[in-house]
Amino acid sequence: MSTLVYVLNGPNLNLLGTREPEIYGSDTLAEIEAALHEQAEGLGLAIDFRQTNHEGQLVDWLHEANSAGAKAVLLNAAAYTHTSVALLDACRAIAVPVIEVHLSDPSKREEFRHISYVGMAAADCVQGLGARSYSVALEKAAAL
């Protein structure tokens, strides 16, 4: 079984640490990535950590994860979570389990954030734990 886990991040997550820290916390995406690499090593996993502001790039990376035989994908699709049927279709089209990740808890935010297209196809979801959401999601991926 593969030990590779893709960690895919969507729009505006490159601004973590400065973008609305009262909602998303003060950790930068680079800090989250470094902590996740360390955790992954301890779990016997390798991670491929990426960020893009482009929806189609996330679709391509989901396809790539499937072709690579990844163990899982941790997907923080950010705003695309609530708008992208293309990501829903991509998650459904691949055999790799997708674990949805959110720093905040979308169900406690604006009503338009209460729907998750990604969640309609995800194997699991971790939300509302700040940067720790990624860590918990990686533990869930390791247990698959």
C-alpha atoms as a PDB file:
ATOM      1  CA  MET A   1       0.000   0.000   0.000  1.00  0.00           C
ATOM      2  CA  SER A   2       1.213   3.488  -0.817  1.00  0.00           C
ATOM      3  CA  THR A   3       2.484   5.741   1.915  1.00  0.00           C
ATOM      4  CA  LEU A   4       2.054   8.924  -0.123  1.00  0.00           C
ATOM      5  CA  VAL A   5      -0.553  11.442   1.002  1.00  0.00           C
ATOM      6  CA  TYR A   6      -1.320  14.483  -1.101  1.00  0.00           C
ATOM      7  CA  VAL A   7      -2.178  17.652   0.833  1.00  0.00           C
ATOM      8  CA  LEU A   8      -3.949  20.038  -1.511  1.00  0.00           C
ATOM      9  CA  ASN A   9      -4.801  23.605  -0.586  1.00  0.00           C
ATOM     10  CA  GLY A  10      -7.045  26.005  -2.437  1.00  0.00           C
ATOM     11  CA  PRO A  11      -7.427  29.750  -2.909  1.00  0.00           C
ATOM     12  CA  ASN A  12      -6.116  32.344  -0.493  1.00  0.00           C
ATOM     13  CA  LEU A  13      -4.501  29.792   1.808  1.00  0.00           C
ATOM     14  CA  ASN A  14      -1.142  31.190   0.724  1.00  0.00           C
ATOM     15  CA  LEU A  15      -2.149  34.217   2.852  1.00  0.00           C
ATOM     16  CA  LEU A  16      -2.508  32.269   6.101  1.00  0.00           C
ATOM     17  CA  GLY A  17      -0.906  33.994   9.049  1.00  0.00           C
ATOM     18  CA  THR A  18      -2.039  37.424   7.897  1.00  0.00           C
ATOM     19  CA  ARG A  19      -5.488  36.701   6.426  1.00  0.00           C
ATOM     20  CA  GLU A  20      -8.223  37.091   9.035  1.00  0.00           C
ATOM     21  CA  PRO A  21      -6.242  35.500  11.884  1.00  0.00           C
ATOM     22  CA  GLU A  22      -9.305  35.730  14.129  1.00  0.00           C
ATOM     23  CA  ILE A  23     -10.906  33.107  11.858  1.00  0.00           C
ATOM     24  CA  TYR A  24      -7.970  31.151  10.438  1.00  0.00           C
ATOM     25  CA  GLY A  25      -5.313  31.538  13.143  1.00  0.00           C
ATOM     26  CA  SER A  26      -1.802  32.916  12.931  1.00  0.00           C
ATOM     27  CA  ASP A  27      -0.008  29.856  11.551  1.00  0.00           C
ATOM     28  CA  THR A  28       1.308  30.280   8.027  1.00  0.00           C
ATOM     29  CA  LEU A  29       0.832  27.611   5.385  1.00  0.00           C
ATOM     30  CA  ALA A  30       4.610  27.026   5.456  1.00  0.00           C
ATOM     31  CA  GLU A  31       4.446  26.375   9.213  1.00  0.00           C
ATOM     32  CA  ILE A  32       1.561  23.948   8.744  1.00  0.00           C
ATOM     33  CA  GLU A  33       3.491  22.187   5.987  1.00  0.00           C
ATOM     34  CA  ALA A  34       6.646  21.848   8.131  1.00  0.00           C
ATOM     35  CA  ALA A  35       4.688  20.397  11.056  1.00  0.00           C
ATOM     36  CA  LEU A  36       2.865  17.992   8.757  1.00  0.00           C
ATOM     37  CA  HIS A  37       6.117  16.743   7.193  1.00  0.00           C
ATOM     38  CA  GLU A  38       7.460  16.008  10.678  1.00  0.00           C
ATOM     39  CA  GLN A  39       4.258  14.252  11.730  1.00  0.00           C
ATOM     40  CA  ALA A  40       4.129  12.265   8.485  1.00  0.00           C
ATOM     41  CA  GLU A  41       7.638  10.968   9.018  1.00  0.00           C
ATOM     42  CA  GLY A  42       6.629   9.684  12.446  1.00  0.00           C
ATOM     43  CA  LEU A  43       3.618   7.938  10.899  1.00  0.00           C
ATOM     44  CA  GLY A  44       5.696   6.325   8.145  1.00  0.00           C
ATOM     45  CA  LEU A  45       4.076   8.508   5.487  1.00  0.00           C
ATOM     46  CA  ALA A  46       5.347  10.883   2.834  1.00  0.00           C
ATOM     47  CA  ILE A  47       3.376  13.977   1.919  1.00  0.00           C
ATOM     48  CA  ASP A  48       3.165  16.023  -1.228  1.00  0.00           C
ATOM     49  CA  PHE A  49       1.992  19.462  -0.054  1.00  0.00           C
ATOM     50  CA  ARG A  50       0.665  21.974  -2.609  1.00  0.00           C
ATOM     51  CA  GLN A  51      -1.344  25.198  -2.846  1.00  0.00           C
ATOM     52  CA  THR A  52      -3.050  26.913  -5.761  1.00  0.00           C
ATOM     53  CA  ASN A  53      -5.550  29.670  -6.322  1.00  0.00           C
ATOM     54  CA  HIS A  54      -6.898  27.883  -9.424  1.00  0.00           C
ATOM     55  CA  GLU A  55      -9.790  25.418  -9.394  1.00  0.00           C
ATOM     56  CA  GLY A  56      -8.658  23.429 -12.432  1.00  0.00           C
ATOM     57  CA  GLN A  57      -5.241  22.894 -10.876  1.00  0.00           C
ATOM     58  CA  LEU A  58      -6.890  21.229  -7.877  1.00  0.00           C
ATOM     59  CA  VAL A  59      -8.833  18.953 -10.262  1.00  0.00           C
ATOM     60  CA  ASP A  60      -5.604  18.034 -12.066  1.00  0.00           C
ATOM     61  CA  TRP A  61      -3.850  17.284  -8.771  1.00  0.00           C
ATOM     62  CA  LEU A  62      -6.706  15.036  -7.623  1.00  0.00           C
ATOM     63  CA  HIS A  63      -6.343  13.084 -10.877  1.00  0.00           C
ATOM     64  CA  GLU A  64      -2.576  12.946 -10.344  1.00  0.00           C
ATOM     65  CA  ALA A  65      -2.992  11.601  -6.799  1.00  0.00           C
ATOM     66  CA  ASN A  66      -5.135   8.823  -8.205  1.00  0.00           C
ATOM     67  CA  SER A  67      -2.637   8.007 -10.967  1.00  0.00           C
ATOM     68  CA  ALA A  68       0.188   7.988  -8.418  1.00  0.00           C
ATOM     69  CA  GLY A  69      -1.708   5.510  -6.230  1.00  0.00           C
ATOM     70  CA  ALA A  70      -1.724   7.830  -3.239  1.00  0.00           C
ATOM     71  CA  LYS A  71      -3.001   6.498   0.065  1.00  0.00           C
ATOM     72  CA  ALA A  72      -5.220   9.555   0.591  1.00  0.00           C
ATOM     73  CA  VAL A  73      -5.741  13.203  -0.264  1.00  0.00           C
ATOM     74  CA  LEU A  74      -6.198  15.849   2.401  1.00  0.00           C
ATOM     75  CA  LEU A  75      -8.131  18.580   0.615  1.00  0.00           C
ATOM     76  CA  ASN A  76      -8.685  22.085   1.924  1.00  0.00           C
ATOM     77  CA  ALA A  77     -10.501  23.449  -1.100  1.00  0.00           C
ATOM     78  CA  ALA A  78     -11.180  26.718   0.755  1.00  0.00           C
ATOM     79  CA  ALA A  79     -13.948  28.722  -0.961  1.00  0.00           C
ATOM     80  CA  TYR A  80     -14.180  26.148  -3.771  1.00  0.00           C
ATOM     81  CA  THR A  81     -15.619  23.774  -1.147  1.00  0.00           C
ATOM     82  CA  HIS A  82     -18.895  25.678  -1.412  1.00  0.00           C
ATOM     83  CA  THR A  83     -18.981  26.349  -5.150  1.00  0.00           C
ATOM     84  CA  SER A  84     -17.197  23.680  -7.152  1.00  0.00           C
ATOM     85  CA  VAL A  85     -19.147  20.887  -8.762  1.00  0.00           C
ATOM     86  CA  ALA A  86     -15.937  20.203 -10.703  1.00  0.00           C
ATOM     87  CA  LEU A  87     -14.152  19.289  -7.456  1.00  0.00           C
ATOM     88  CA  LEU A  88     -17.113  17.130  -6.391  1.00  0.00           C
ATOM     89  CA  ASP A  89     -16.912  15.284  -9.702  1.00  0.00           C
ATOM     90  CA  ALA A  90     -13.133  14.891  -9.435  1.00  0.00           C
ATOM     91  CA  CYS A  91     -13.384  13.509  -5.890  1.00  0.00           C
ATOM     92  CA  ARG A  92     -16.034  11.047  -7.049  1.00  0.00           C
ATOM     93  CA  ALA A  93     -13.996  10.066 -10.116  1.00  0.00           C
ATOM     94  CA  ILE A  94     -10.925   8.899  -8.207  1.00  0.00           C
ATOM     95  CA  ALA A  95     -10.372   5.799  -6.088  1.00  0.00           C
ATOM     96  CA  VAL A  96      -8.196   7.622  -3.551  1.00  0.00           C
ATOM     97  CA  PRO A  97     -10.072   8.571  -0.371  1.00  0.00           C
ATOM     98  CA  VAL A  98     -10.390  12.330   0.129  1.00  0.00           C
ATOM     99  CA  ILE A  99     -10.419  13.821   3.618  1.00  0.00           C
ATOM    100  CA  GLU A 100     -11.904  17.313   3.662  1.00  0.00           C
ATOM    101  CA  VAL A 101      -9.993  19.792   5.855  1.00  0.00           C
ATOM    102  CA  HIS A 102     -11.049  23.193   7.208  1.00  0.00           C
ATOM    103  CA  LEU A 103      -9.292  25.458   9.677  1.00  0.00           C
ATOM    104  CA  SER A 104     -12.566  27.052  10.740  1.00  0.00           C
ATOM    105  CA  ASP A 105     -15.954  25.396  11.183  1.00  0.00           C
ATOM    106  CA  PRO A 106     -17.972  26.345   8.102  1.00  0.00           C
ATOM    107  CA  SER A 107     -21.229  25.330   9.799  1.00  0.00           C
ATOM    108  CA  LYS A 108     -20.730  28.174  12.287  1.00  0.00           C
ATOM    109  CA  ARG A 109     -20.074  30.780   9.616  1.00  0.00           C
ATOM    110  CA  GLU A 110     -22.099  32.434   6.856  1.00  0.00           C
ATOM    111  CA  GLU A 111     -24.976  30.380   5.504  1.00  0.00           C
ATOM    112  CA  PHE A 112     -23.414  30.039   2.041  1.00  0.00           C
ATOM    113  CA  ARG A 113     -20.546  28.130   3.672  1.00  0.00           C
ATOM    114  CA  HIS A 114     -22.876  25.481   5.086  1.00  0.00           C
ATOM    115  CA  ILE A 115     -22.952  23.495   1.833  1.00  0.00           C
ATOM    116  CA  SER A 116     -19.885  21.462   0.949  1.00  0.00           C
ATOM    117  CA  TYR A 117     -19.634  19.983  -2.515  1.00  0.00           C
ATOM    118  CA  VAL A 118     -16.330  18.377  -1.508  1.00  0.00           C
ATOM    119  CA  GLY A 119     -18.053  16.858   1.517  1.00  0.00           C
ATOM    120  CA  MET A 120     -20.562  15.110  -0.742  1.00  0.00           C
ATOM    121  CA  ALA A 121     -17.726  12.881  -1.941  1.00  0.00           C
ATOM    122  CA  ALA A 122     -15.219  12.981   0.927  1.00  0.00           C
ATOM    123  CA  ALA A 123     -14.524   9.931   3.063  1.00  0.00           C
ATOM    124  CA  ASP A 124     -14.204  12.125   6.155  1.00  0.00           C
ATOM    125  CA  CYS A 125     -14.025  15.737   7.287  1.00  0.00           C
ATOM    126  CA  VAL A 126     -11.963  17.543   9.924  1.00  0.00           C
ATOM    127  CA  GLN A 127     -12.928  21.120  10.676  1.00  0.00           C
ATOM    128  CA  GLY A 128     -12.775  23.838  13.270  1.00  0.00           C
ATOM    129  CA  LEU A 129      -9.486  22.881  14.897  1.00  0.00           C
ATOM    130  CA  GLY A 130      -7.297  25.557  13.330  1.00  0.00           C
ATOM    131  CA  ALA A 131      -3.966  24.275  12.065  1.00  0.00           C
ATOM    132  CA  ARG A 132      -4.526  21.088  14.085  1.00  0.00           C
ATOM    133  CA  SER A 133      -7.231  20.127  11.562  1.00  0.00           C
ATOM    134  CA  TYR A 134      -4.437  19.050   9.210  1.00  0.00           C
ATOM    135  CA  SER A 135      -2.761  16.956  11.886  1.00  0.00           C
ATOM    136  CA  VAL A 136      -5.966  15.149  12.796  1.00  0.00           C
ATOM    137  CA  ALA A 137      -6.723  14.567   9.112  1.00  0.00           C
ATOM    138  CA  LEU A 138      -3.247  13.077   8.591  1.00  0.00           C
ATOM    139  CA  GLU A 139      -3.832  10.694  11.496  1.00  0.00           C
ATOM    140  CA  LYS A 140      -7.100   9.639   9.854  1.00  0.00           C
ATOM    141  CA  ALA A 141      -5.251   9.093   6.552  1.00  0.00           C
ATOM    142  CA  ALA A 142      -2.635   6.956   8.311  1.00  0.00           C
ATOM    143  CA  ALA A 143      -5.404   4.776   9.741  1.00  0.00           C
ATOM    144  CA  LEU A 144      -6.888   4.008   6.319  1.00  0.00           C
END
